[in-house]
C-alpha atoms as a PDB file:
ATOM      1  CA  MET A   1      13.608 -24.180 -12.345  1.00  0.00           C
ATOM      2  CA  ASN A   2      13.176 -23.553  -8.638  1.00  0.00           C
ATOM      3  CA  SER A   3      12.259 -20.057  -7.547  1.00  0.00           C
ATOM      4  CA  PHE A   4      11.432 -18.215  -4.359  1.00  0.00           C
ATOM      5  CA  ARG A   5       9.454 -15.012  -3.938  1.00  0.00           C
ATOM      6  CA  ALA A   6       9.860 -12.555  -1.047  1.00  0.00           C
ATOM      7  CA  LEU A   7       8.369  -9.210  -0.115  1.00  0.00           C
ATOM      8  CA  ALA A   8       9.998  -6.396   1.868  1.00  0.00           C
ATOM      9  CA  PRO A   9       8.421  -3.091   2.954  1.00  0.00           C
ATOM     10  CA  SER A  10       9.459   0.522   2.708  1.00  0.00           C
ATOM     11  CA  SER A  11      10.981   2.164   5.760  1.00  0.00           C
ATOM     12  CA  THR A  12      11.969   5.469   7.276  1.00  0.00           C
ATOM     13  CA  ALA A  13      15.374   6.035   8.861  1.00  0.00           C
ATOM     14  CA  ASN A  14      16.805   8.436  11.449  1.00  0.00           C
ATOM     15  CA  PHE A  15      13.416   9.440  12.871  1.00  0.00           C
ATOM     16  CA  GLY A  16      14.838  12.838  13.727  1.00  0.00           C
ATOM     17  CA  PRO A  17      17.905  12.527  15.999  1.00  0.00           C
ATOM     18  CA  GLY A  18      18.669   8.844  15.358  1.00  0.00           C
ATOM     19  CA  PHE A  19      20.996   9.219  12.361  1.00  0.00           C
ATOM     20  CA  ASP A  20      22.112   5.753  11.142  1.00  0.00           C
ATOM     21  CA  ILE A  21      20.661   4.297  14.386  1.00  0.00           C
ATOM     22  CA  PHE A  22      16.832   4.342  14.149  1.00  0.00           C
ATOM     23  CA  GLY A  23      14.675   2.672  11.532  1.00  0.00           C
ATOM     24  CA  LEU A  24      10.925   2.090  11.275  1.00  0.00           C
ATOM     25  CA  ALA A  25       9.287  -0.252   8.770  1.00  0.00           C
ATOM     26  CA  LEU A  26       6.312   1.260   6.931  1.00  0.00           C
ATOM     27  CA  ASP A  27       3.395  -0.507   5.266  1.00  0.00           C
ATOM     28  CA  LEU A  28       3.367   2.212   2.600  1.00  0.00           C
ATOM     29  CA  PHE A  29       5.114   0.440  -0.319  1.00  0.00           C
ATOM     30  CA  VAL A  30       6.488  -3.056  -0.950  1.00  0.00           C
ATOM     31  CA  ASP A  31       9.227  -4.506  -3.169  1.00  0.00           C
ATOM     32  CA  GLU A  32       8.762  -8.032  -4.503  1.00  0.00           C
ATOM     33  CA  ILE A  33      11.777 -10.105  -5.550  1.00  0.00           C
ATOM     34  CA  ILE A  34      11.727 -13.489  -7.276  1.00  0.00           C
ATOM     35  CA  ILE A  35      15.035 -15.371  -7.256  1.00  0.00           C
ATOM     36  CA  THR A  36      15.272 -18.218  -9.770  1.00  0.00           C
ATOM     37  CA  LYS A  37      17.988 -20.873  -9.848  1.00  0.00           C
ATOM     38  CA  LYS A  38      18.787 -21.952 -13.398  1.00  0.00           C
ATOM     39  CA  GLN A  39      20.300 -25.231 -14.560  1.00  0.00           C
ATOM     40  CA  GLN A  40      23.510 -23.666 -15.851  1.00  0.00           C
ATOM     41  CA  GLN A  41      26.347 -23.229 -13.377  1.00  0.00           C
ATOM     42  CA  ASN A  42      28.422 -20.288 -14.563  1.00  0.00           C
ATOM     43  CA  GLY A  43      27.739 -18.014 -11.600  1.00  0.00           C
ATOM     44  CA  ILE A  44      25.985 -15.460 -13.806  1.00  0.00           C
ATOM     45  CA  ILE A  45      23.393 -13.082 -12.375  1.00  0.00           C
ATOM     46  CA  THR A  46      20.776 -11.629 -14.696  1.00  0.00           C
ATOM     47  CA  ILE A  47      18.063  -9.109 -13.932  1.00  0.00           C
ATOM     48  CA  SER A  48      15.138  -9.944 -16.141  1.00  0.00           C
ATOM     49  CA  THR A  49      11.602  -8.593 -15.999  1.00  0.00           C
ATOM     50  CA  ILE A  50      11.398  -5.495 -13.858  1.00  0.00           C
ATOM     51  CA  LYS A  51       7.891  -4.335 -13.120  1.00  0.00           C
ATOM     52  CA  GLN A  52       7.818  -0.818 -11.762  1.00  0.00           C
ATOM     53  CA  ASN A  53       5.453   2.056 -11.238  1.00  0.00           C
ATOM     54  CA  GLU A  54       5.470   4.943 -13.678  1.00  0.00           C
ATOM     55  CA  GLY A  55       8.439   7.214 -13.142  1.00  0.00           C
ATOM     56  CA  ILE A  56      10.515   4.627 -11.276  1.00  0.00           C
ATOM     57  CA  GLN A  57      13.810   3.823 -12.956  1.00  0.00           C
ATOM     58  CA  ILE A  58      16.301   1.340 -11.527  1.00  0.00           C
ATOM     59  CA  PRO A  59      19.502  -0.030 -13.042  1.00  0.00           C
ATOM     60  CA  TYR A  60      19.740  -3.408 -14.742  1.00  0.00           C
ATOM     61  CA  ASP A  61      23.502  -3.805 -14.331  1.00  0.00           C
ATOM     62  CA  ASN A  62      24.833  -5.931 -11.458  1.00  0.00           C
ATOM     63  CA  GLU A  63      27.150  -3.271 -10.045  1.00  0.00           C
ATOM     64  CA  ASN A  64      24.438  -0.683  -9.509  1.00  0.00           C
ATOM     65  CA  ASN A  65      21.460  -2.856  -8.655  1.00  0.00           C
ATOM     66  CA  SER A  66      20.919  -3.378  -4.920  1.00  0.00           C
ATOM     67  CA  ALA A  67      19.428  -6.866  -5.218  1.00  0.00           C
ATOM     68  CA  ALA A  68      22.239  -8.039  -7.496  1.00  0.00           C
ATOM     69  CA  LEU A  69      24.918  -6.768  -5.095  1.00  0.00           C
ATOM     70  CA  VAL A  70      23.337  -8.762  -2.277  1.00  0.00           C
ATOM     71  CA  VAL A  71      23.000 -11.939  -4.317  1.00  0.00           C
ATOM     72  CA  ARG A  72      26.589 -11.682  -5.605  1.00  0.00           C
ATOM     73  CA  LYS A  73      27.983 -11.454  -2.079  1.00  0.00           C
ATOM     74  CA  MET A  74      25.901 -14.404  -0.869  1.00  0.00           C
ATOM     75  CA  MET A  75      26.946 -16.498  -3.869  1.00  0.00           C
ATOM     76  CA  GLU A  76      30.609 -15.759  -3.182  1.00  0.00           C
ATOM     77  CA  ASP A  77      30.413 -16.580   0.506  1.00  0.00           C
ATOM     78  CA  TYR A  78      28.496 -19.833   0.010  1.00  0.00           C
ATOM     79  CA  ARG A  79      30.339 -20.813  -3.190  1.00  0.00           C
ATOM     80  CA  ILE A  80      27.148 -21.089  -5.203  1.00  0.00           C
ATOM     81  CA  LYS A  81      27.833 -21.430  -8.927  1.00  0.00           C
ATOM     82  CA  ASP A  82      24.291 -21.622 -10.294  1.00  0.00           C
ATOM     83  CA  ASN A  83      23.155 -18.988 -12.739  1.00  0.00           C
ATOM     84  CA  ILE A  84      20.670 -16.730 -10.971  1.00  0.00           C
ATOM     85  CA  ASP A  85      17.820 -14.698 -12.386  1.00  0.00           C
ATOM     86  CA  ILE A  86      16.390 -11.804 -10.377  1.00  0.00           C
ATOM     87  CA  GLN A  87      12.919 -10.467 -11.081  1.00  0.00           C
ATOM     88  CA  ILE A  88      11.950  -7.225  -9.382  1.00  0.00           C
ATOM     89  CA  ASN A  89       8.480  -5.809  -8.874  1.00  0.00           C
ATOM     90  CA  LYS A  90       9.558  -2.364  -7.738  1.00  0.00           C
ATOM     91  CA  GLY A  91       7.009  -0.707  -5.487  1.00  0.00           C
ATOM     92  CA  VAL A  92       9.200   1.595  -3.366  1.00  0.00           C
ATOM     93  CA  PRO A  93      10.160   4.738  -5.313  1.00  0.00           C
ATOM     94  CA  PRO A  94      13.962   5.157  -5.395  1.00  0.00           C
ATOM     95  CA  GLY A  95      15.639   8.290  -4.133  1.00  0.00           C
ATOM     96  CA  TYR A  96      12.915   9.662  -1.863  1.00  0.00           C
ATOM     97  CA  GLY A  97      14.061   8.596   1.600  1.00  0.00           C
ATOM     98  CA  LEU A  98      11.757   5.593   1.973  1.00  0.00           C
ATOM     99  CA  GLY A  99      14.260   2.744   1.994  1.00  0.00           C
ATOM    100  CA  SER A 100      13.972   1.784  -1.661  1.00  0.00           C
ATOM    101  CA  SER A 101      17.378   0.099  -2.014  1.00  0.00           C
ATOM    102  CA  ALA A 102      16.874  -1.503   1.392  1.00  0.00           C
ATOM    103  CA  ALA A 103      13.567  -3.091   0.386  1.00  0.00           C
ATOM    104  CA  SER A 104      15.071  -4.669  -2.739  1.00  0.00           C
ATOM    105  CA  SER A 105      18.137  -5.790  -0.794  1.00  0.00           C
ATOM    106  CA  VAL A 106      16.149  -7.343   2.030  1.00  0.00           C
ATOM    107  CA  ALA A 107      13.749  -9.171  -0.264  1.00  0.00           C
ATOM    108  CA  ALA A 108      16.694 -10.499  -2.302  1.00  0.00           C
ATOM    109  CA  ALA A 109      18.588 -11.743   0.764  1.00  0.00           C
ATOM    110  CA  TYR A 110      15.447 -13.301   2.215  1.00  0.00           C
ATOM    111  CA  ALA A 111      14.505 -15.072  -1.034  1.00  0.00           C
ATOM    112  CA  PHE A 112      18.057 -16.287  -1.740  1.00  0.00           C
ATOM    113  CA  ASP A 113      18.420 -17.717   1.761  1.00  0.00           C
ATOM    114  CA  LYS A 114      15.121 -19.602   1.485  1.00  0.00           C
ATOM    115  CA  LEU A 115      15.759 -20.858  -2.062  1.00  0.00           C
ATOM    116  CA  PHE A 116      19.074 -22.478  -1.147  1.00  0.00           C
ATOM    117  CA  ASN A 117      18.017 -23.512   2.392  1.00  0.00           C
ATOM    118  CA  LEU A 118      21.006 -21.685   3.870  1.00  0.00           C
ATOM    119  CA  GLU A 119      19.297 -21.026   7.229  1.00  0.00           C
ATOM    120  CA  ILE A 120      21.177 -17.783   7.765  1.00  0.00           C
ATOM    121  CA  ASN A 121      20.394 -16.024  11.040  1.00  0.00           C
ATOM    122  CA  SER A 122      18.655 -12.655  10.980  1.00  0.00           C
ATOM    123  CA  ILE A 123      21.746 -10.626  11.903  1.00  0.00           C
ATOM    124  CA  GLN A 124      23.761 -12.078   9.071  1.00  0.00           C
ATOM    125  CA  LEU A 125      20.839 -11.654   6.657  1.00  0.00           C
ATOM    126  CA  ILE A 126      20.704  -7.984   7.580  1.00  0.00           C
ATOM    127  CA  ASN A 127      24.461  -7.757   7.056  1.00  0.00           C
ATOM    128  CA  TYR A 128      24.057  -9.210   3.562  1.00  0.00           C
ATOM    129  CA  SER A 129      21.159  -6.845   2.883  1.00  0.00           C
ATOM    130  CA  ALA A 130      23.379  -3.903   3.799  1.00  0.00           C
ATOM    131  CA  GLU A 131      25.605  -4.801   0.834  1.00  0.00           C
ATOM    132  CA  GLY A 132      22.844  -3.487  -1.398  1.00  0.00           C
ATOM    133  CA  GLU A 133      23.030  -0.053   0.214  1.00  0.00           C
ATOM    134  CA  ARG A 134      26.344   0.474  -1.550  1.00  0.00           C
ATOM    135  CA  ALA A 135      24.334   1.083  -4.727  1.00  0.00           C
ATOM    136  CA  SER A 136      22.677   4.234  -3.367  1.00  0.00           C
ATOM    137  CA  ALA A 137      24.765   5.314  -0.379  1.00  0.00           C
ATOM    138  CA  GLY A 138      28.234   4.229  -1.466  1.00  0.00           C
ATOM    139  CA  THR A 139      28.654   2.382   1.839  1.00  0.00           C
ATOM    140  CA  LYS A 140      26.912  -0.180   4.036  1.00  0.00           C
ATOM    141  CA  HIS A 141      24.445   1.109   6.589  1.00  0.00           C
ATOM    142  CA  TYR A 142      21.811  -0.742   8.513  1.00  0.00           C
ATOM    143  CA  ASP A 143      18.887   1.386   9.694  1.00  0.00           C
ATOM    144  CA  ASN A 144      16.621   0.829   6.685  1.00  0.00           C
ATOM    145  CA  VAL A 145      17.579  -2.782   6.003  1.00  0.00           C
ATOM    146  CA  ALA A 146      17.200  -3.826   9.643  1.00  0.00           C
ATOM    147  CA  SER A 147      13.726  -2.340   9.960  1.00  0.00           C
ATOM    148  CA  SER A 148      12.618  -3.639   6.552  1.00  0.00           C
ATOM    149  CA  MET A 149      13.816  -7.144   7.468  1.00  0.00           C
ATOM    150  CA  LEU A 150      12.570  -7.336  11.059  1.00  0.00           C
ATOM    151  CA  GLY A 151       9.647  -4.917  11.027  1.00  0.00           C
ATOM    152  CA  GLY A 152       8.737  -2.450  13.744  1.00  0.00           C
ATOM    153  CA  PHE A 153      11.103   0.106  15.259  1.00  0.00           C
ATOM    154  CA  ILE A 154      14.782  -0.856  15.251  1.00  0.00           C
ATOM    155  CA  ILE A 155      17.825   0.450  17.098  1.00  0.00           C
ATOM    156  CA  VAL A 156      21.131  -0.386  15.391  1.00  0.00           C
ATOM    157  CA  ARG A 157      24.200  -1.097  17.544  1.00  0.00           C
ATOM    158  CA  ASN A 158      27.520  -1.911  15.899  1.00  0.00           C
ATOM    159  CA  PHE A 159      29.910  -1.896  18.850  1.00  0.00           C
ATOM    160  CA  PRO A 160      31.320  -4.116  20.246  1.00  0.00           C
ATOM    161  CA  ARG A 161      29.343  -6.328  17.835  1.00  0.00           C
ATOM    162  CA  MET A 162      26.450  -5.884  15.431  1.00  0.00           C
ATOM    163  CA  GLU A 163      23.116  -5.957  17.241  1.00  0.00           C
ATOM    164  CA  PHE A 164      19.550  -4.939  16.417  1.00  0.00           C
ATOM    165  CA  ILE A 165      17.071  -4.073  19.155  1.00  0.00           C
ATOM    166  CA  LYS A 166      13.425  -4.255  18.109  1.00  0.00           C
ATOM    167  CA  PHE A 167      10.389  -2.565  19.635  1.00  0.00           C
ATOM    168  CA  GLU A 168       6.817  -3.267  18.596  1.00  0.00           C
ATOM    169  CA  PRO A 169       5.272   0.111  17.720  1.00  0.00           C
ATOM    170  CA  PRO A 170       2.292   1.476  19.643  1.00  0.00           C
ATOM    171  CA  GLU A 171      -1.086   0.514  18.220  1.00  0.00           C
ATOM    172  CA  ALA A 172      -1.973   4.208  18.110  1.00  0.00           C
ATOM    173  CA  LEU A 173       0.978   5.194  15.878  1.00  0.00           C
ATOM    174  CA  TYR A 174      -0.072   6.660  12.537  1.00  0.00           C
ATOM    175  CA  LEU A 175       2.231   8.292  10.018  1.00  0.00           C
ATOM    176  CA  VAL A 176       1.589  10.702   7.166  1.00  0.00           C
ATOM    177  CA  VAL A 177       4.243  10.700   4.445  1.00  0.00           C
ATOM    178  CA  GLY A 178       4.590  13.471   1.876  1.00  0.00           C
ATOM    179  CA  ILE A 179       6.606  12.754  -1.267  1.00  0.00           C
ATOM    180  CA  PRO A 180       7.419  15.832  -3.391  1.00  0.00           C
ATOM    181  CA  ASN A 181       7.605  15.390  -7.136  1.00  0.00           C
ATOM    182  CA  ILE A 182      11.091  16.839  -7.538  1.00  0.00           C
ATOM    183  CA  ALA A 183      14.170  15.565  -9.311  1.00  0.00           C
ATOM    184  CA  VAL A 184      16.651  13.688  -7.127  1.00  0.00           C
ATOM    185  CA  PRO A 185      20.288  12.982  -8.049  1.00  0.00           C
ATOM    186  CA  LYS A 186      21.636   9.547  -8.844  1.00  0.00           C
ATOM    187  CA  LYS A 187      23.031   7.889  -5.729  1.00  0.00           C
ATOM    188  CA  LYS A 188      21.006  10.453  -3.806  1.00  0.00           C
ATOM    189  CA  THR A 189      21.780   8.991  -0.379  1.00  0.00           C
ATOM    190  CA  GLU A 190      25.512   9.225  -1.055  1.00  0.00           C
ATOM    191  CA  VAL A 191      25.077  12.842  -2.114  1.00  0.00           C
ATOM    192  CA  ALA A 192      22.969  13.617   0.974  1.00  0.00           C
ATOM    193  CA  ARG A 193      25.574  12.073   3.282  1.00  0.00           C
ATOM    194  CA  SER A 194      28.314  14.170   1.682  1.00  0.00           C
ATOM    195  CA  LEU A 195      26.540  17.358   2.835  1.00  0.00           C
ATOM    196  CA  LEU A 196      26.633  16.482   6.520  1.00  0.00           C
ATOM    197  CA  PRO A 197      28.876  18.300   9.007  1.00  0.00           C
ATOM    198  CA  LEU A 198      31.882  16.446  10.413  1.00  0.00           C
ATOM    199  CA  THR A 199      31.595  18.188  13.787  1.00  0.00           C
ATOM    200  CA  SER A 200      28.836  19.662  15.930  1.00  0.00           C
ATOM    201  CA  SER A 201      28.530  21.660  19.134  1.00  0.00           C
ATOM    202  CA  LEU A 202      28.284  19.912  22.484  1.00  0.00           C
ATOM    203  CA  ASP A 203      24.856  21.504  23.032  1.00  0.00           C
ATOM    204  CA  ASN A 204      23.545  19.978  19.803  1.00  0.00           C
ATOM    205  CA  ILE A 205      24.972  16.563  20.654  1.00  0.00           C
ATOM    206  CA  ILE A 206      23.421  16.644  24.130  1.00  0.00           C
ATOM    207  CA  SER A 207      20.067  17.704  22.654  1.00  0.00           C
ATOM    208  CA  ASN A 208      20.104  14.872  20.118  1.00  0.00           C
ATOM    209  CA  ILE A 209      21.023  12.274  22.740  1.00  0.00           C
ATOM    210  CA  SER A 210      18.186  13.519  24.949  1.00  0.00           C
ATOM    211  CA  ASN A 211      15.684  13.451  22.098  1.00  0.00           C
ATOM    212  CA  ALA A 212      16.789  10.037  20.856  1.00  0.00           C
ATOM    213  CA  SER A 213      16.435   8.669  24.400  1.00  0.00           C
ATOM    214  CA  THR A 214      12.934  10.128  24.577  1.00  0.00           C
ATOM    215  CA  ILE A 215      11.969   8.360  21.348  1.00  0.00           C
ATOM    216  CA  VAL A 216      13.213   5.017  22.680  1.00  0.00           C
ATOM    217  CA  ALA A 217      11.304   5.576  25.922  1.00  0.00           C
ATOM    218  CA  GLY A 218       8.199   6.360  23.898  1.00  0.00           C
ATOM    219  CA  PHE A 219       8.433   3.069  22.020  1.00  0.00           C
ATOM    220  CA  ALA A 220       9.131   1.201  25.262  1.00  0.00           C
ATOM    221  CA  TYR A 221       6.072   2.767  26.940  1.00  0.00           C
ATOM    222  CA  LYS A 222       4.068   2.632  23.677  1.00  0.00           C
ATOM    223  CA  ASP A 223       3.399   6.332  24.082  1.00  0.00           C
ATOM    224  CA  VAL A 224       3.093   8.150  20.739  1.00  0.00           C
ATOM    225  CA  LYS A 225       3.138  11.608  22.321  1.00  0.00           C
ATOM    226  CA  MET A 226       6.432  10.780  24.037  1.00  0.00           C
ATOM    227  CA  ILE A 227       7.882   9.546  20.734  1.00  0.00           C
ATOM    228  CA  ALA A 228       6.838  12.815  19.099  1.00  0.00           C
ATOM    229  CA  LYS A 229       8.543  14.880  21.810  1.00  0.00           C
ATOM    230  CA  GLY A 230      11.864  13.410  20.715  1.00  0.00           C
ATOM    231  CA  ILE A 231      11.423  14.086  16.984  1.00  0.00           C
ATOM    232  CA  ASP A 232      13.800  17.037  16.896  1.00  0.00           C
ATOM    233  CA  ASP A 233      17.218  16.908  15.286  1.00  0.00           C
ATOM    234  CA  LYS A 234      19.787  19.668  15.806  1.00  0.00           C
ATOM    235  CA  ILE A 235      22.552  18.242  13.604  1.00  0.00           C
ATOM    236  CA  VAL A 236      21.374  16.627  10.366  1.00  0.00           C
ATOM    237  CA  GLU A 237      17.969  18.219   9.735  1.00  0.00           C
ATOM    238  CA  PRO A 238      19.264  21.835   9.546  1.00  0.00           C
ATOM    239  CA  ILE A 239      21.515  20.796   6.656  1.00  0.00           C
ATOM    240  CA  ARG A 240      19.188  18.485   4.770  1.00  0.00           C
ATOM    241  CA  LYS A 241      16.081  20.647   5.042  1.00  0.00           C
ATOM    242  CA  LYS A 242      17.731  23.098   2.650  1.00  0.00           C
ATOM    243  CA  THR A 243      17.143  20.568  -0.139  1.00  0.00           C
ATOM    244  CA  ILE A 244      13.395  20.431   0.596  1.00  0.00           C
ATOM    245  CA  PRO A 245      11.466  23.507  -0.586  1.00  0.00           C
ATOM    246  CA  ALA A 246       9.385  25.223   2.115  1.00  0.00           C
ATOM    247  CA  TYR A 247      10.300  22.564   4.684  1.00  0.00           C
ATOM    248  CA  ASP A 248       9.879  24.798   7.751  1.00  0.00           C
ATOM    249  CA  LYS A 249       6.485  26.051   6.546  1.00  0.00           C
ATOM    250  CA  ILE A 250       5.325  22.499   5.797  1.00  0.00           C
ATOM    251  CA  LYS A 251       6.411  21.380   9.262  1.00  0.00           C
ATOM    252  CA  GLU A 252       4.600  24.244  10.962  1.00  0.00           C
ATOM    253  CA  SER A 253       1.436  23.714   8.906  1.00  0.00           C
ATOM    254  CA  ALA A 254       1.342  19.961   9.558  1.00  0.00           C
ATOM    255  CA  ILE A 255       1.662  20.478  13.314  1.00  0.00           C
ATOM    256  CA  ASN A 256      -1.018  23.172  13.281  1.00  0.00           C
ATOM    257  CA  ALA A 257      -3.262  20.707  11.416  1.00  0.00           C
ATOM    258  CA  GLY A 258      -2.904  18.059  14.122  1.00  0.00           C
ATOM    259  CA  ALA A 259       0.415  16.285  13.625  1.00  0.00           C
ATOM    260  CA  LEU A 260       2.427  15.754  16.802  1.00  0.00           C
ATOM    261  CA  ALA A 261       5.742  16.118  14.949  1.00  0.00           C
ATOM    262  CA  LEU A 262       7.246  16.154  11.470  1.00  0.00           C
ATOM    263  CA  THR A 263      10.737  15.349  10.254  1.00  0.00           C
ATOM    264  CA  ILE A 264      12.665  14.352   7.139  1.00  0.00           C
ATOM    265  CA  SER A 265      12.271  10.722   6.129  1.00  0.00           C
ATOM    266  CA  GLY A 266      15.763   9.284   5.796  1.00  0.00           C
ATOM    267  CA  ALA A 267      17.852  11.437   3.480  1.00  0.00           C
ATOM    268  CA  GLY A 268      14.706  13.081   2.080  1.00  0.00           C
ATOM    269  CA  PRO A 269      13.157  14.715   0.221  1.00  0.00           C
ATOM    270  CA  SER A 270      10.073  12.971   1.650  1.00  0.00           C
ATOM    271  CA  VAL A 271       8.729  14.196   4.974  1.00  0.00           C
ATOM    272  CA  ILE A 272       7.032  12.091   7.630  1.00  0.00           C
ATOM    273  CA  SER A 273       4.696  13.242  10.383  1.00  0.00           C
ATOM    274  CA  ILE A 274       3.617  11.494  13.573  1.00  0.00           C
ATOM    275  CA  LEU A 275       0.027  11.162  14.810  1.00  0.00           C
ATOM    276  CA  ASN A 276      -1.601   9.197  17.617  1.00  0.00           C
ATOM    277  CA  THR A 277      -4.951   8.949  15.822  1.00  0.00           C
ATOM    278  CA  ASP A 278      -6.180   9.028  12.254  1.00  0.00           C
ATOM    279  CA  LYS A 279      -8.742  11.678  13.244  1.00  0.00           C
ATOM    280  CA  HIS A 280      -6.639  14.568  11.932  1.00  0.00           C
ATOM    281  CA  SER A 281      -4.885  12.643   9.177  1.00  0.00           C
ATOM    282  CA  ARG A 282      -6.779  14.265   6.297  1.00  0.00           C
ATOM    283  CA  ASP A 283      -6.034  17.736   7.642  1.00  0.00           C
ATOM    284  CA  VAL A 284      -2.345  16.886   7.993  1.00  0.00           C
ATOM    285  CA  MET A 285      -2.224  15.371   4.515  1.00  0.00           C
ATOM    286  CA  GLU A 286      -3.814  18.498   3.058  1.00  0.00           C
ATOM    287  CA  ALA A 287      -1.437  20.773   4.972  1.00  0.00           C
ATOM    288  CA  ILE A 288       1.614  18.938   3.601  1.00  0.00           C
ATOM    289  CA  LYS A 289       0.240  18.906   0.063  1.00  0.00           C
ATOM    290  CA  GLU A 290      -0.605  22.615   0.198  1.00  0.00           C
ATOM    291  CA  GLY A 291       2.821  23.375   1.663  1.00  0.00           C
ATOM    292  CA  PHE A 292       4.561  21.842  -1.336  1.00  0.00           C
ATOM    293  CA  ALA A 293       2.058  23.450  -3.721  1.00  0.00           C
ATOM    294  CA  GLU A 294       2.999  26.907  -2.424  1.00  0.00           C
ATOM    295  CA  SER A 295       6.437  26.219  -3.918  1.00  0.00           C
ATOM    296  CA  ASN A 296       4.783  25.023  -7.151  1.00  0.00           C
ATOM    297  CA  ILE A 297       5.651  21.411  -6.349  1.00  0.00           C
ATOM    298  CA  GLU A 298       3.209  18.573  -6.841  1.00  0.00           C
ATOM    299  CA  SER A 299       3.291  15.859  -4.193  1.00  0.00           C
ATOM    300  CA  ASN A 300       1.739  12.571  -3.194  1.00  0.00           C
ATOM    301  CA  VAL A 301       0.679  12.229   0.420  1.00  0.00           C
ATOM    302  CA  TYR A 302      -0.182   8.975   2.189  1.00  0.00           C
ATOM    303  CA  LEU A 303      -1.413   7.743   5.550  1.00  0.00           C
ATOM    304  CA  CYS A 304       0.378   4.578   6.695  1.00  0.00           C
ATOM    305  CA  ARG A 305       1.177   2.394   9.690  1.00  0.00           C
ATOM    306  CA  PRO A 306       4.279   0.470  10.816  1.00  0.00           C
ATOM    307  CA  SER A 307       4.985  -2.783   8.953  1.00  0.00           C
ATOM    308  CA  ASN A 308       5.810  -6.256  10.277  1.00  0.00           C
ATOM    309  CA  GLY A 309       8.809  -6.625   7.948  1.00  0.00           C
ATOM    310  CA  ALA A 310       9.883  -9.051   5.226  1.00  0.00           C
ATOM    311  CA  LYS A 311       7.982 -12.204   4.414  1.00  0.00           C
ATOM    312  CA  ASN A 312       7.960 -14.970   1.846  1.00  0.00           C
ATOM    313  CA  GLN A 313       5.300 -15.874  -0.654  1.00  0.00           C
ATOM    314  CA  ASP A 314       6.105 -19.594  -0.580  1.00  0.00           C
ATOM    315  CA  LYS A 315       8.367 -21.553  -2.868  1.00  0.00           C
ATOM    316  CA  ILE A 316       7.180 -21.539  -6.460  1.00  0.00           C
ATOM    317  CA  SER A 317       8.046 -23.305  -9.672  1.00  0.00           C
ATOM    318  CA  LEU A 318       8.358 -21.419 -12.919  1.00  0.00           C
ATOM    319  CA  SER A 319       8.432 -23.115 -16.289  1.00  0.00           C
END
């Protein structure tokens, strides 16, 4: 039986004012997917061995598993009838705003394309990967999958056609991620999107456009301090921060400890801070951890860097 293994990294989306537009790949966690083509040709997808860290629970059924949704769509479009087995080594914790469904989706699309020698271009691969976001968000969106696939910092454009603009991150960019140990709802991203306002004031819109432009300029100039100046969101953060205990205090403490900025990672509840050196990283990590602890919440805090995106682990044969 021929198989192909692929890896895809975690990611953070929005980056403050860039809702559904900005994504940054993170070398924090990785999902591994092995796609195996079986001899039978009934078009059946099975999810077999799932290796996952303690506390991580993901669905086995095709309709709610991100990787299976991606593979099903690719099989339909390319009229592939082989039975397919999907093995998942789940490293990205689901439901915490770190691109968990995106990582599984990207690795699945990447592995499936390589296994069947489809030679799909990167834009279409990202489009297939976005199918997997339906499992958590209820709809396709591209910020996490684009950054997880391509690596680096990504701007998503979908008009007049789908386009992804990539910037290589500054060498000096460091990120501290705090993950609170709190319960998150099923389909958390879909729930988080349902809380968002349908309208906003012109002042808030202008502020977000200005800040988003500053972030892009910072990546273009490879200036971490300029990036941090733009990490301020007037529209989405005020709503979503209500779901994160002591968010304002954590943000203030992290900045006082040496972070240049802090914002919500994706739909939360994880937070992500920006630094231009690892010199103050321990102080920032401690500030975030203590901030959650003041609300009697345990947390895991990590220092990470941007990731280069998805990659393969060579074609393999399983017996």
